[in-house]
Amino acid sequence: MRKVFKLDEIDCAVCAGKLEDAIKKLDGVEDAKINFLTQKLTLVADDADFDTVLDAVVKLTASIEPDCEILV
């Protein structure tokens, strides 16, 4: 499943790159892309595990970029 989420307050392109790399390393993530200019996260994961993966992505985002929020 592929879904696009709006990111709120990602600070810079370098931060977006760090976050994207970290998300790609999470179990269950098939692919992830963050577009800093549009402030969007594209997340690809298996349909059956998508909600679990999304929860992990939200927690990871909060730990790496406390000001950034994934608008679900």
C-alpha atoms as a PDB file:
ATOM      1  CA  MET A   1       0.000   0.000   0.000  1.00  0.00           C
ATOM      2  CA  ARG A   2       1.231   3.493  -0.826  1.00  0.00           C
ATOM      3  CA  LYS A   3      -0.040   6.525   1.059  1.00  0.00           C
ATOM      4  CA  VAL A   4       0.968  10.171   1.093  1.00  0.00           C
ATOM      5  CA  PHE A   5       0.972  12.166   4.323  1.00  0.00           C
ATOM      6  CA  LYS A   6       1.412  15.878   4.971  1.00  0.00           C
ATOM      7  CA  LEU A   7       4.326  16.814   7.225  1.00  0.00           C
ATOM      8  CA  ASP A   8       3.911  19.767   9.532  1.00  0.00           C
ATOM      9  CA  GLU A   9       7.021  21.820  10.362  1.00  0.00           C
ATOM     10  CA  ILE A  10       9.921  19.832   8.967  1.00  0.00           C
ATOM     11  CA  ASP A  11      12.771  22.291   9.496  1.00  0.00           C
ATOM     12  CA  CYS A  12      15.198  21.762   6.623  1.00  0.00           C
ATOM     13  CA  ALA A  13      16.100  19.553   3.683  1.00  0.00           C
ATOM     14  CA  VAL A  14      18.943  17.914   5.618  1.00  0.00           C
ATOM     15  CA  CYS A  15      16.513  17.007   8.417  1.00  0.00           C
ATOM     16  CA  ALA A  16      14.111  15.591   5.847  1.00  0.00           C
ATOM     17  CA  GLY A  17      16.914  13.462   4.392  1.00  0.00           C
ATOM     18  CA  LYS A  18      17.919  12.114   7.813  1.00  0.00           C
ATOM     19  CA  LEU A  19      14.317  11.286   8.610  1.00  0.00           C
ATOM     20  CA  GLU A  20      13.766   9.589   5.245  1.00  0.00           C
ATOM     21  CA  ASP A  21      16.874   7.413   5.709  1.00  0.00           C
ATOM     22  CA  ALA A  22      15.778   6.407   9.216  1.00  0.00           C
ATOM     23  CA  ILE A  23      12.230   5.553   8.084  1.00  0.00           C
ATOM     24  CA  LYS A  24      13.565   3.341   5.278  1.00  0.00           C
ATOM     25  CA  LYS A  25      15.423   1.248   7.893  1.00  0.00           C
ATOM     26  CA  LEU A  26      12.270   0.431   9.885  1.00  0.00           C
ATOM     27  CA  ASP A  27      10.918  -3.114   9.667  1.00  0.00           C
ATOM     28  CA  GLY A  28       8.002  -3.355   7.270  1.00  0.00           C
ATOM     29  CA  VAL A  29       8.836  -0.229   5.264  1.00  0.00           C
ATOM     30  CA  GLU A  30       9.169  -1.079   1.586  1.00  0.00           C
ATOM     31  CA  ASP A  31       9.975   2.503   0.561  1.00  0.00           C
ATOM     32  CA  ALA A  32       9.735   6.030   1.896  1.00  0.00           C
ATOM     33  CA  LYS A  33      10.286   9.399   0.293  1.00  0.00           C
ATOM     34  CA  ILE A  34      10.116  12.840   1.847  1.00  0.00           C
ATOM     35  CA  ASN A  35       9.715  15.844  -0.394  1.00  0.00           C
ATOM     36  CA  PHE A  36      10.905  18.848   1.590  1.00  0.00           C
ATOM     37  CA  LEU A  37       9.442  21.406  -0.815  1.00  0.00           C
ATOM     38  CA  THR A  38       5.922  19.969  -0.707  1.00  0.00           C
ATOM     39  CA  GLN A  39       6.277  18.839   2.932  1.00  0.00           C
ATOM     40  CA  LYS A  40       4.969  15.348   2.081  1.00  0.00           C
ATOM     41  CA  LEU A  41       5.921  11.814   3.085  1.00  0.00           C
ATOM     42  CA  THR A  42       5.172   8.954   0.713  1.00  0.00           C
ATOM     43  CA  LEU A  43       5.171   5.672   2.605  1.00  0.00           C
ATOM     44  CA  VAL A  44       5.007   2.218   1.039  1.00  0.00           C
ATOM     45  CA  ALA A  45       4.365  -0.825   3.236  1.00  0.00           C
ATOM     46  CA  ASP A  46       2.443  -4.099   3.135  1.00  0.00           C
ATOM     47  CA  ASP A  47      -1.329  -3.651   3.445  1.00  0.00           C
ATOM     48  CA  ALA A  48      -1.621  -6.033   6.407  1.00  0.00           C
ATOM     49  CA  ASP A  49       1.066  -4.268   8.451  1.00  0.00           C
ATOM     50  CA  PHE A  50       0.498  -0.686   7.316  1.00  0.00           C
ATOM     51  CA  ASP A  51      -1.031   0.646  10.546  1.00  0.00           C
ATOM     52  CA  THR A  52       1.753  -0.890  12.657  1.00  0.00           C
ATOM     53  CA  VAL A  53       4.403   0.522  10.342  1.00  0.00           C
ATOM     54  CA  LEU A  54       2.750   3.947  10.379  1.00  0.00           C
ATOM     55  CA  ASP A  55       2.744   3.969  14.199  1.00  0.00           C
ATOM     56  CA  ALA A  56       6.476   3.189  14.176  1.00  0.00           C
ATOM     57  CA  VAL A  57       7.087   5.971  11.637  1.00  0.00           C
ATOM     58  CA  VAL A  58       5.167   8.483  13.770  1.00  0.00           C
ATOM     59  CA  LYS A  59       7.194   7.549  16.884  1.00  0.00           C
ATOM     60  CA  LEU A  60      10.475   7.699  14.975  1.00  0.00           C
ATOM     61  CA  THR A  61       9.588  11.094  13.541  1.00  0.00           C
ATOM     62  CA  ALA A  62       8.852  12.432  17.027  1.00  0.00           C
ATOM     63  CA  SER A  63      12.219  11.205  18.296  1.00  0.00           C
ATOM     64  CA  ILE A  64      14.270  12.595  15.375  1.00  0.00           C
ATOM     65  CA  GLU A  65      12.314  15.792  14.656  1.00  0.00           C
ATOM     66  CA  PRO A  66      10.233  16.703  17.740  1.00  0.00           C
ATOM     67  CA  ASP A  67       8.675  19.723  16.016  1.00  0.00           C
ATOM     68  CA  CYS A  68       7.574  17.738  12.960  1.00  0.00           C
ATOM     69  CA  GLU A  69       4.208  16.029  12.916  1.00  0.00           C
ATOM     70  CA  ILE A  70       2.790  13.557  10.408  1.00  0.00           C
ATOM     71  CA  LEU A  71      -0.790  14.590   9.716  1.00  0.00           C
ATOM     72  CA  VAL A  72      -2.698  11.331   9.428  1.00  0.00           C
END
